[in-house]
Amino acid sequence: MEHPYGRCQHCGERLYAHIEGDYQCVNCDRRYTEADLETRAV
């Protein structure tokens, strides 16, 4: 996993880049795509 990027919508912990190309919360194991994170930033 790489550097943190954004926050989990469920628990608020940091998201980390996953080897499969998406982002994962290591606290609650939720996964987010880059598109999910872009819609939150707008």
PDB file of N, CA and C in Angstrom:
ATOM      1  N   MET A   1       0.831  -1.184   0.000  1.00  0.00           N
ATOM      2  CA  MET A   1       0.000   0.000   0.000  1.00  0.00           C
ATOM      3  C   MET A   1       0.874   1.245   0.000  1.00  0.00           C
ATOM      4  N   GLU A   2       0.359   2.259  -0.666  1.00  0.00           N
ATOM      5  CA  GLU A   2       1.117   3.497  -0.794  1.00  0.00           C
ATOM      6  C   GLU A   2       0.578   4.563   0.141  1.00  0.00           C
ATOM      7  N   HIS A   3       0.939   5.792  -0.143  1.00  0.00           N
ATOM      8  CA  HIS A   3       0.588   6.924   0.697  1.00  0.00           C
ATOM      9  C   HIS A   3      -0.926   7.078   0.862  1.00  0.00           C
ATOM     10  N   PRO A   4      -1.360   7.654   1.990  1.00  0.00           N
ATOM     11  CA  PRO A   4      -2.786   7.861   2.217  1.00  0.00           C
ATOM     12  C   PRO A   4      -3.385   8.866   1.242  1.00  0.00           C
ATOM     13  N   TYR A   5      -4.669   8.673   0.928  1.00  0.00           N
ATOM     14  CA  TYR A   5      -5.368   9.551   0.001  1.00  0.00           C
ATOM     15  C   TYR A   5      -6.827   9.631   0.425  1.00  0.00           C
ATOM     16  N   GLY A   6      -7.241  10.724   0.982  1.00  0.00           N
ATOM     17  CA  GLY A   6      -8.639  10.910   1.341  1.00  0.00           C
ATOM     18  C   GLY A   6      -9.024  10.187   2.619  1.00  0.00           C
ATOM     19  N   ARG A   7     -10.315  10.196   2.886  1.00  0.00           N
ATOM     20  CA  ARG A   7     -10.858   9.582   4.099  1.00  0.00           C
ATOM     21  C   ARG A   7     -12.005   8.643   3.748  1.00  0.00           C
ATOM     22  N   CYS A   8     -12.164   7.614   4.542  1.00  0.00           N
ATOM     23  CA  CYS A   8     -13.250   6.649   4.377  1.00  0.00           C
ATOM     24  C   CYS A   8     -14.582   7.324   4.701  1.00  0.00           C
ATOM     25  N   GLN A   9     -15.577   7.105   3.868  1.00  0.00           N
ATOM     26  CA  GLN A   9     -16.905   7.677   4.099  1.00  0.00           C
ATOM     27  C   GLN A   9     -17.583   7.015   5.289  1.00  0.00           C
ATOM     28  N   HIS A  10     -17.188   5.800   5.610  1.00  0.00           N
ATOM     29  CA  HIS A  10     -17.843   5.040   6.676  1.00  0.00           C
ATOM     30  C   HIS A  10     -17.269   5.351   8.066  1.00  0.00           C
ATOM     31  N   CYS A  11     -15.935   5.273   8.199  1.00  0.00           N
ATOM     32  CA  CYS A  11     -15.342   5.417   9.531  1.00  0.00           C
ATOM     33  C   CYS A  11     -14.431   6.632   9.682  1.00  0.00           C
ATOM     34  N   GLY A  12     -14.067   7.289   8.560  1.00  0.00           N
ATOM     35  CA  GLY A  12     -13.245   8.490   8.636  1.00  0.00           C
ATOM     36  C   GLY A  12     -11.746   8.264   8.641  1.00  0.00           C
ATOM     37  N   GLU A  13     -11.316   7.010   8.614  1.00  0.00           N
ATOM     38  CA  GLU A  13      -9.878   6.726   8.586  1.00  0.00           C
ATOM     39  C   GLU A  13      -9.301   7.015   7.206  1.00  0.00           C
ATOM     40  N   ARG A  14      -7.991   7.089   7.111  1.00  0.00           N
ATOM     41  CA  ARG A  14      -7.321   7.373   5.842  1.00  0.00           C
ATOM     42  C   ARG A  14      -7.452   6.203   4.877  1.00  0.00           C
ATOM     43  N   LEU A  15      -7.506   6.553   3.594  1.00  0.00           N
ATOM     44  CA  LEU A  15      -7.531   5.548   2.535  1.00  0.00           C
ATOM     45  C   LEU A  15      -6.138   5.403   1.955  1.00  0.00           C
ATOM     46  N   TYR A  16      -5.785   4.177   1.601  1.00  0.00           N
ATOM     47  CA  TYR A  16      -4.476   3.896   1.025  1.00  0.00           C
ATOM     48  C   TYR A  16      -4.650   3.264  -0.341  1.00  0.00           C
ATOM     49  N   ALA A  17      -3.734   3.581  -1.251  1.00  0.00           N
ATOM     50  CA  ALA A  17      -3.764   2.997  -2.593  1.00  0.00           C
ATOM     51  C   ALA A  17      -3.561   1.494  -2.482  1.00  0.00           C
ATOM     52  N   HIS A  18      -4.399   0.745  -3.185  1.00  0.00           N
ATOM     53  CA  HIS A  18      -4.331  -0.716  -3.186  1.00  0.00           C
ATOM     54  C   HIS A  18      -3.646  -1.181  -4.456  1.00  0.00           C
ATOM     55  N   ILE A  19      -3.025  -2.331  -4.423  1.00  0.00           N
ATOM     56  CA  ILE A  19      -2.287  -2.858  -5.573  1.00  0.00           C
ATOM     57  C   ILE A  19      -3.195  -3.080  -6.786  1.00  0.00           C
ATOM     58  N   GLU A  20      -4.491  -3.285  -6.563  1.00  0.00           N
ATOM     59  CA  GLU A  20      -5.435  -3.514  -7.658  1.00  0.00           C
ATOM     60  C   GLU A  20      -5.883  -2.221  -8.328  1.00  0.00           C
ATOM     61  N   GLY A  21      -5.392  -1.080  -7.860  1.00  0.00           N
ATOM     62  CA  GLY A  21      -5.676   0.183  -8.521  1.00  0.00           C
ATOM     63  C   GLY A  21      -6.748   1.033  -7.871  1.00  0.00           C
ATOM     64  N   ASP A  22      -7.370   0.537  -6.823  1.00  0.00           N
ATOM     65  CA  ASP A  22      -8.364   1.348  -6.132  1.00  0.00           C
ATOM     66  C   ASP A  22      -7.795   1.764  -4.775  1.00  0.00           C
ATOM     67  N   TYR A  23      -8.655   2.218  -3.878  1.00  0.00           N
ATOM     68  CA  TYR A  23      -8.215   2.665  -2.563  1.00  0.00           C
ATOM     69  C   TYR A  23      -8.946   1.867  -1.502  1.00  0.00           C
ATOM     70  N   GLN A  24      -8.265   1.600  -0.382  1.00  0.00           N
ATOM     71  CA  GLN A  24      -8.833   0.764   0.665  1.00  0.00           C
ATOM     72  C   GLN A  24      -8.656   1.420   2.024  1.00  0.00           C
ATOM     73  N   CYS A  25      -9.686   1.300   2.851  1.00  0.00           N
ATOM     74  CA  CYS A  25      -9.598   1.695   4.248  1.00  0.00           C
ATOM     75  C   CYS A  25      -9.097   0.478   5.024  1.00  0.00           C
ATOM     76  N   VAL A  26      -7.966   0.603   5.692  1.00  0.00           N
ATOM     77  CA  VAL A  26      -7.419  -0.535   6.424  1.00  0.00           C
ATOM     78  C   VAL A  26      -8.142  -0.758   7.746  1.00  0.00           C
ATOM     79  N   ASN A  27      -8.958   0.195   8.162  1.00  0.00           N
ATOM     80  CA  ASN A  27      -9.700   0.061   9.405  1.00  0.00           C
ATOM     81  C   ASN A  27     -10.955  -0.802   9.226  1.00  0.00           C
ATOM     82  N   CYS A  28     -11.766  -0.509   8.197  1.00  0.00           N
ATOM     83  CA  CYS A  28     -13.022  -1.247   8.011  1.00  0.00           C
ATOM     84  C   CYS A  28     -13.060  -2.038   6.702  1.00  0.00           C
ATOM     85  N   ASP A  29     -11.957  -2.047   5.938  1.00  0.00           N
ATOM     86  CA  ASP A  29     -11.807  -2.841   4.710  1.00  0.00           C
ATOM     87  C   ASP A  29     -12.711  -2.421   3.559  1.00  0.00           C
ATOM     88  N   ARG A  30     -13.281  -1.234   3.613  1.00  0.00           N
ATOM     89  CA  ARG A  30     -14.069  -0.757   2.467  1.00  0.00           C
ATOM     90  C   ARG A  30     -13.135  -0.343   1.352  1.00  0.00           C
ATOM     91  N   ARG A  31     -13.615  -0.501   0.111  1.00  0.00           N
ATOM     92  CA  ARG A  31     -12.810  -0.158  -1.067  1.00  0.00           C
ATOM     93  C   ARG A  31     -13.506   0.958  -1.829  1.00  0.00           C
ATOM     94  N   TYR A  32     -12.716   1.853  -2.419  1.00  0.00           N
ATOM     95  CA  TYR A  32     -13.219   2.979  -3.194  1.00  0.00           C
ATOM     96  C   TYR A  32     -12.450   3.071  -4.502  1.00  0.00           C
ATOM     97  N   THR A  33     -13.155   3.403  -5.577  1.00  0.00           N
ATOM     98  CA  THR A  33     -12.485   3.662  -6.849  1.00  0.00           C
ATOM     99  C   THR A  33     -12.065   5.126  -6.872  1.00  0.00           C
ATOM    100  N   GLU A  34     -11.224   5.480  -7.817  1.00  0.00           N
ATOM    101  CA  GLU A  34     -10.808   6.877  -7.948  1.00  0.00           C
ATOM    102  C   GLU A  34     -12.006   7.758  -8.290  1.00  0.00           C
ATOM    103  N   ALA A  35     -12.956   7.228  -9.064  1.00  0.00           N
ATOM    104  CA  ALA A  35     -14.167   7.977  -9.412  1.00  0.00           C
ATOM    105  C   ALA A  35     -14.994   8.283  -8.162  1.00  0.00           C
ATOM    106  N   ASP A  36     -15.054   7.346  -7.217  1.00  0.00           N
ATOM    107  CA  ASP A  36     -15.770   7.582  -5.960  1.00  0.00           C
ATOM    108  C   ASP A  36     -15.178   8.776  -5.219  1.00  0.00           C
ATOM    109  N   LEU A  37     -13.867   8.859  -5.205  1.00  0.00           N
ATOM    110  CA  LEU A  37     -13.192   9.932  -4.477  1.00  0.00           C
ATOM    111  C   LEU A  37     -13.312  11.265  -5.192  1.00  0.00           C
ATOM    112  N   GLU A  38     -13.332  11.254  -6.523  1.00  0.00           N
ATOM    113  CA  GLU A  38     -13.463  12.494  -7.290  1.00  0.00           C
ATOM    114  C   GLU A  38     -14.834  13.122  -7.091  1.00  0.00           C
ATOM    115  N   THR A  39     -15.887  12.330  -7.001  1.00  0.00           N
ATOM    116  CA  THR A  39     -17.228  12.881  -6.815  1.00  0.00           C
ATOM    117  C   THR A  39     -17.377  13.491  -5.429  1.00  0.00           C
ATOM    118  N   ARG A  40     -16.650  13.015  -4.455  1.00  0.00           N
ATOM    119  CA  ARG A  40     -16.699  13.582  -3.110  1.00  0.00           C
ATOM    120  C   ARG A  40     -15.993  14.923  -3.036  1.00  0.00           C
ATOM    121  N   ALA A  41     -14.987  15.127  -3.875  1.00  0.00           N
ATOM    122  CA  ALA A  41     -14.191  16.354  -3.825  1.00  0.00           C
ATOM    123  C   ALA A  41     -14.908  17.544  -4.451  1.00  0.00           C
ATOM    124  N   VAL A  42     -15.906  17.298  -5.291  1.00  0.00           N
ATOM    125  CA  VAL A  42     -16.593  18.375  -6.012  1.00  0.00           C
ATOM    126  C   VAL A  42     -17.597  19.068  -5.138  1.00  0.00           C
TER     127      VAL A  42
END
